[in-house]
Amino acid sequence: MVKVTVWNEYRHERNDEKIAAVYPEGIHGQIASFLKDAGLDVRTATLDEPEHGLTEEVLNNTDVLVWWGHIAHKEVSDEIVDRVHQRVLQGMGLVVLHSGHMSKIFMKLMGTSCDLKWREAGEKERLWVMNPSHPIAEGIGEYIELEHEEMYGTHFDVPAPDELIFVGWFEGGNVFPSGSTYRRGNGKIFYFQPGHESYPTYYHPEIQKVIVNGVNWCGPTKRAYPVYGRSQELETIRREVLL
């Protein structure tokens, strides 16, 4: 069974009654609930817990980390970011949701600004499936339609993805690479754009299906992490004296 940790900064839900009404158990609580329903082994962690809830013990027992953040990216400790980064390189999967594109960990893994265009206008979004044979798109039709979402638009300053799974079209005319995968070291990364805090996006059954699929796809492989540093020769090296 895949072991999942759902991380959320958990600020909007505590400071805004309207958002708390949408996610009374926190965004992390809602995501954790449908991941549990899918048969995954799930725990949650939040920013204000000691070590942001991401102790070495927690991370060493996490196969896939799901990350949601927005207004408190800078409050995440660099030490914890480095810890998560190392675990991803070693093989822990990472699912980055919505405004997590500006999180320290995603920016560190991408090596770019990860910036984009945005607009809060409650417009319709249609997520087109670009790679229907990919496991993350399993069980999804040609597109997913959301009545309201925050617009994210190109240019999205990230490296070219390994695989483009979804492209989002917004009512105002913008488009966005809404679902992309990357590999870093032994780890797999899935970025998925929908999920603004003021909309009930994480109650949508097809959005839930994509995230469950993404977690399963990001699950760790059995490949051992490479050994780096000075290496002993495998064969006898003939050494000649140079005159």
Protein backbone atom coordinates (compact mmCIF):
# COMPACT_ATOMS: atom_id res chain seq x y z
CA MET A 1 0.00 0.00 0.00
CA VAL A 2 1.32 3.44 -0.96
CA LYS A 3 2.06 5.61 2.07
CA VAL A 4 0.98 9.21 1.46
CA THR A 5 1.57 12.40 3.43
CA VAL A 6 -0.70 15.33 2.50
CA TRP A 7 0.97 18.63 3.37
CA ASN A 8 -0.92 21.92 3.58
CA GLU A 9 0.14 25.29 4.95
CA TYR A 10 -3.41 25.47 6.47
CA ARG A 11 -3.71 29.24 6.68
CA HIS A 12 -6.65 30.26 4.46
CA GLU A 13 -9.05 27.85 6.16
CA ARG A 14 -8.23 29.22 9.63
CA ASN A 15 -8.27 32.91 8.71
CA ASP A 16 -11.17 33.21 6.27
CA GLU A 17 -14.68 32.06 7.17
CA LYS A 18 -15.75 31.73 3.54
CA ILE A 19 -12.87 29.38 2.77
CA ALA A 20 -13.41 27.48 6.02
CA ALA A 21 -17.00 26.90 4.86
CA VAL A 22 -15.69 25.28 1.67
CA TYR A 23 -13.04 23.19 3.44
CA PRO A 24 -14.11 22.82 7.09
CA GLU A 25 -11.52 20.09 7.67
CA GLY A 26 -8.84 22.00 5.77
CA ILE A 27 -7.74 21.39 2.20
CA HIS A 28 -5.45 18.67 3.51
CA GLY A 29 -8.35 17.01 5.29
CA GLN A 30 -10.47 16.89 2.14
CA ILE A 31 -7.63 15.54 0.01
CA ALA A 32 -6.74 12.98 2.66
CA SER A 33 -10.36 11.81 2.84
CA PHE A 34 -10.66 10.79 -0.81
CA LEU A 35 -7.15 9.32 -0.88
CA LYS A 36 -8.15 7.13 2.07
CA ASP A 37 -11.35 6.15 0.25
CA ALA A 38 -9.11 5.02 -2.63
CA GLY A 39 -7.36 2.58 -0.30
CA LEU A 40 -4.18 4.55 0.32
CA ASP A 41 -2.37 4.83 3.67
CA VAL A 42 -2.67 8.55 4.42
CA ARG A 43 -1.44 10.99 7.04
CA THR A 44 -1.45 14.79 7.05
CA ALA A 45 1.06 17.48 8.02
CA THR A 46 0.78 21.26 8.26
CA LEU A 47 3.08 24.26 8.35
CA ASP A 48 2.71 25.15 12.03
CA GLU A 49 3.54 21.69 13.36
CA PRO A 50 7.09 21.12 14.64
CA GLU A 51 9.38 20.75 11.61
CA HIS A 52 6.25 21.52 9.54
CA GLY A 53 5.13 17.97 10.27
CA LEU A 54 7.87 16.69 7.96
CA THR A 55 10.32 15.08 10.35
CA GLU A 56 12.92 12.65 9.04
CA GLU A 57 10.83 9.82 10.45
CA VAL A 58 7.70 11.01 8.62
CA LEU A 59 9.50 11.49 5.31
CA ASN A 60 11.32 8.18 5.59
CA ASN A 61 7.90 6.55 5.90
CA THR A 62 6.34 8.50 3.02
CA ASP A 63 6.15 7.07 -0.49
CA VAL A 64 4.40 10.11 -1.98
CA LEU A 65 4.16 13.64 -0.60
CA VAL A 66 1.20 15.79 -1.73
CA TRP A 67 1.89 19.56 -1.41
CA TRP A 68 -0.57 22.48 -1.22
CA GLY A 69 0.65 25.98 -0.34
CA HIS A 70 -0.13 29.57 -1.27
CA ILE A 71 0.42 32.52 1.07
CA ALA A 72 3.13 31.12 3.35
CA HIS A 73 5.75 29.73 0.96
CA LYS A 74 8.49 31.85 2.54
CA GLU A 75 7.72 30.49 6.01
CA VAL A 76 8.80 26.99 5.03
CA SER A 77 12.23 26.29 6.51
CA ASP A 78 15.08 25.85 4.03
CA GLU A 79 16.28 22.92 6.15
CA ILE A 80 12.96 21.13 5.62
CA VAL A 81 13.01 21.96 1.91
CA ASP A 82 16.47 20.39 1.63
CA ARG A 83 15.21 17.35 3.50
CA VAL A 84 12.25 16.91 1.15
CA HIS A 85 14.47 17.54 -1.89
CA GLN A 86 16.85 14.77 -0.86
CA ARG A 87 13.98 12.35 -0.33
CA VAL A 88 12.62 13.10 -3.81
CA LEU A 89 16.05 12.40 -5.33
CA GLN A 90 16.13 9.14 -3.38
CA GLY A 91 12.76 8.09 -4.81
CA MET A 92 9.88 9.67 -2.88
CA GLY A 93 7.13 10.85 -5.22
CA LEU A 94 5.85 14.43 -5.11
CA VAL A 95 2.41 15.70 -6.21
CA VAL A 96 2.35 19.52 -6.31
CA LEU A 97 -1.09 21.11 -6.45
CA HIS A 98 -2.27 24.50 -7.69
CA SER A 99 -0.32 27.40 -6.11
CA GLY A 100 2.32 24.97 -4.90
CA HIS A 101 4.05 25.91 -8.14
CA MET A 102 5.69 28.74 -6.17
CA SER A 103 6.68 26.57 -3.22
CA LYS A 104 10.35 26.45 -2.34
CA ILE A 105 10.52 22.72 -3.00
CA PHE A 106 8.99 22.90 -6.49
CA MET A 107 11.19 25.87 -7.46
CA LYS A 108 14.27 24.04 -6.19
CA LEU A 109 13.41 20.95 -8.21
CA MET A 110 12.61 22.94 -11.37
CA GLY A 111 15.50 25.41 -11.14
CA THR A 112 13.39 28.24 -12.59
CA SER A 113 11.11 31.04 -11.33
CA CYS A 114 7.98 28.88 -11.85
CA ASP A 115 6.03 32.11 -12.46
CA LEU A 116 2.89 32.46 -14.56
CA LYS A 117 -0.11 34.68 -15.36
CA TRP A 118 -3.15 34.50 -13.07
CA ARG A 119 -6.62 35.96 -12.65
CA GLU A 120 -9.33 35.41 -10.02
CA ALA A 121 -12.58 35.78 -11.96
CA GLY A 122 -14.43 32.56 -11.18
CA GLU A 123 -14.32 31.51 -14.80
CA LYS A 124 -15.00 28.12 -16.31
CA GLU A 125 -12.04 25.85 -16.96
CA ARG A 126 -11.94 22.94 -19.36
CA LEU A 127 -9.05 20.54 -18.81
CA TRP A 128 -8.28 18.68 -22.03
CA VAL A 129 -6.59 15.28 -21.83
CA MET A 130 -3.46 15.47 -24.00
CA ASN A 131 -2.09 12.01 -23.22
CA PRO A 132 -5.05 9.59 -22.91
CA SER A 133 -2.82 6.51 -22.60
CA HIS A 134 -1.03 7.84 -19.51
CA PRO A 135 -1.93 6.19 -16.17
CA ILE A 136 -2.69 9.61 -14.63
CA ALA A 137 -5.50 10.10 -17.19
CA GLU A 138 -7.01 6.65 -16.60
CA GLY A 139 -10.77 6.79 -16.13
CA ILE A 140 -11.04 10.36 -17.47
CA GLY A 141 -12.90 11.23 -20.67
CA GLU A 142 -11.73 13.73 -23.27
CA TYR A 143 -11.88 16.59 -20.80
CA ILE A 144 -12.83 17.69 -17.28
CA GLU A 145 -15.02 20.76 -16.93
CA LEU A 146 -14.93 22.96 -13.83
CA GLU A 147 -17.61 25.58 -13.32
CA HIS A 148 -15.25 27.96 -11.50
CA GLU A 149 -11.47 28.08 -11.14
CA GLU A 150 -8.68 30.60 -10.79
CA MET A 151 -7.06 31.25 -14.15
CA TYR A 152 -3.44 30.23 -14.59
CA GLY A 153 -2.03 31.20 -17.97
CA THR A 154 1.10 30.84 -20.02
CA HIS A 155 3.93 31.52 -20.09
CA PHE A 156 4.63 29.06 -17.24
CA ASP A 157 8.33 29.37 -16.41
CA VAL A 158 9.23 25.74 -15.83
CA PRO A 159 11.41 23.31 -17.79
CA ALA A 160 9.76 21.39 -20.62
CA PRO A 161 7.93 18.52 -18.90
CA ASP A 162 8.73 14.88 -19.46
CA GLU A 163 5.04 14.34 -20.21
CA LEU A 164 2.15 16.76 -20.72
CA ILE A 165 -1.04 15.14 -19.48
CA PHE A 166 -3.57 18.02 -19.39
CA VAL A 167 -3.95 21.44 -20.98
CA GLY A 168 -6.40 23.84 -19.35
CA TRP A 169 -8.53 26.28 -21.33
CA PHE A 170 -10.18 29.16 -19.48
CA GLU A 171 -13.34 31.09 -20.29
CA GLY A 172 -11.33 34.30 -20.61
CA GLY A 173 -9.25 32.78 -23.41
CA ASN A 174 -6.04 31.73 -21.64
CA VAL A 175 -4.49 28.28 -21.83
CA PHE A 176 -2.13 26.51 -19.44
CA PRO A 177 -0.11 23.25 -19.17
CA SER A 178 -2.29 22.08 -16.29
CA GLY A 179 -0.90 18.60 -15.71
CA SER A 180 2.77 17.75 -16.21
CA THR A 181 5.24 15.14 -15.02
CA TYR A 182 8.95 15.33 -14.25
CA ARG A 183 11.64 13.03 -12.95
CA ARG A 184 14.38 14.16 -10.62
CA GLY A 185 16.89 11.57 -9.44
CA ASN A 186 14.88 8.47 -8.55
CA GLY A 187 11.77 10.52 -7.80
CA LYS A 188 8.70 11.23 -9.92
CA ILE A 189 6.83 14.57 -9.79
CA PHE A 190 3.31 15.43 -10.93
CA TYR A 191 2.17 19.05 -11.07
CA PHE A 192 -1.62 19.56 -11.29
CA GLN A 193 -3.03 23.07 -11.59
CA PRO A 194 -6.70 23.06 -10.37
CA GLY A 195 -7.45 23.71 -6.71
CA HIS A 196 -7.96 27.36 -5.76
CA GLU A 197 -8.89 27.57 -2.08
CA SER A 198 -12.20 29.41 -2.53
CA TYR A 199 -13.70 26.88 -4.97
CA PRO A 200 -14.85 23.31 -4.17
CA THR A 201 -12.48 21.83 -6.76
CA TYR A 202 -11.27 18.99 -4.51
CA TYR A 203 -14.84 17.67 -4.21
CA HIS A 204 -15.05 17.11 -7.97
CA PRO A 205 -14.94 13.33 -8.61
CA GLU A 206 -12.77 13.55 -11.72
CA ILE A 207 -10.27 15.90 -10.03
CA GLN A 208 -10.12 13.40 -7.19
CA LYS A 209 -9.56 10.59 -9.68
CA VAL A 210 -6.65 12.45 -11.30
CA ILE A 211 -4.99 13.08 -7.93
CA VAL A 212 -5.40 9.45 -6.88
CA ASN A 213 -3.94 8.37 -10.22
CA GLY A 214 -1.11 10.87 -9.79
CA VAL A 215 -0.25 9.58 -6.34
CA ASN A 216 -0.20 6.00 -7.58
CA TRP A 217 1.95 6.95 -10.59
CA CYS A 218 4.41 8.80 -8.33
CA GLY A 219 4.80 5.80 -6.09
CA PRO A 220 8.41 4.75 -5.55
CA THR A 221 10.17 2.31 -7.81
CA LYS A 222 12.27 -0.56 -6.46
CA ARG A 223 15.43 0.81 -8.02
CA ALA A 224 18.16 1.49 -5.47
CA TYR A 225 19.49 5.01 -5.12
CA PRO A 226 22.88 5.26 -6.86
CA VAL A 227 26.07 5.30 -4.80
CA TYR A 228 28.12 8.41 -5.54
CA GLY A 229 31.69 9.45 -4.71
CA ARG A 230 35.03 7.73 -5.15
CA SER A 231 34.66 4.37 -6.87
CA GLN A 232 36.90 1.30 -6.77
CA GLU A 233 37.88 -0.19 -10.10
CA LEU A 234 35.96 -3.23 -11.31
CA GLU A 235 38.87 -4.59 -13.35
CA THR A 236 42.60 -4.60 -12.75
CA ILE A 237 44.07 -1.42 -14.17
CA ARG A 238 47.45 -1.82 -15.84
CA ARG A 239 49.55 1.04 -14.66
CA GLU A 240 52.53 2.02 -16.76
CA VAL A 241 55.28 4.27 -15.58
CA LEU A 242 55.41 7.35 -17.75
CA LEU A 243 59.00 8.44 -18.52
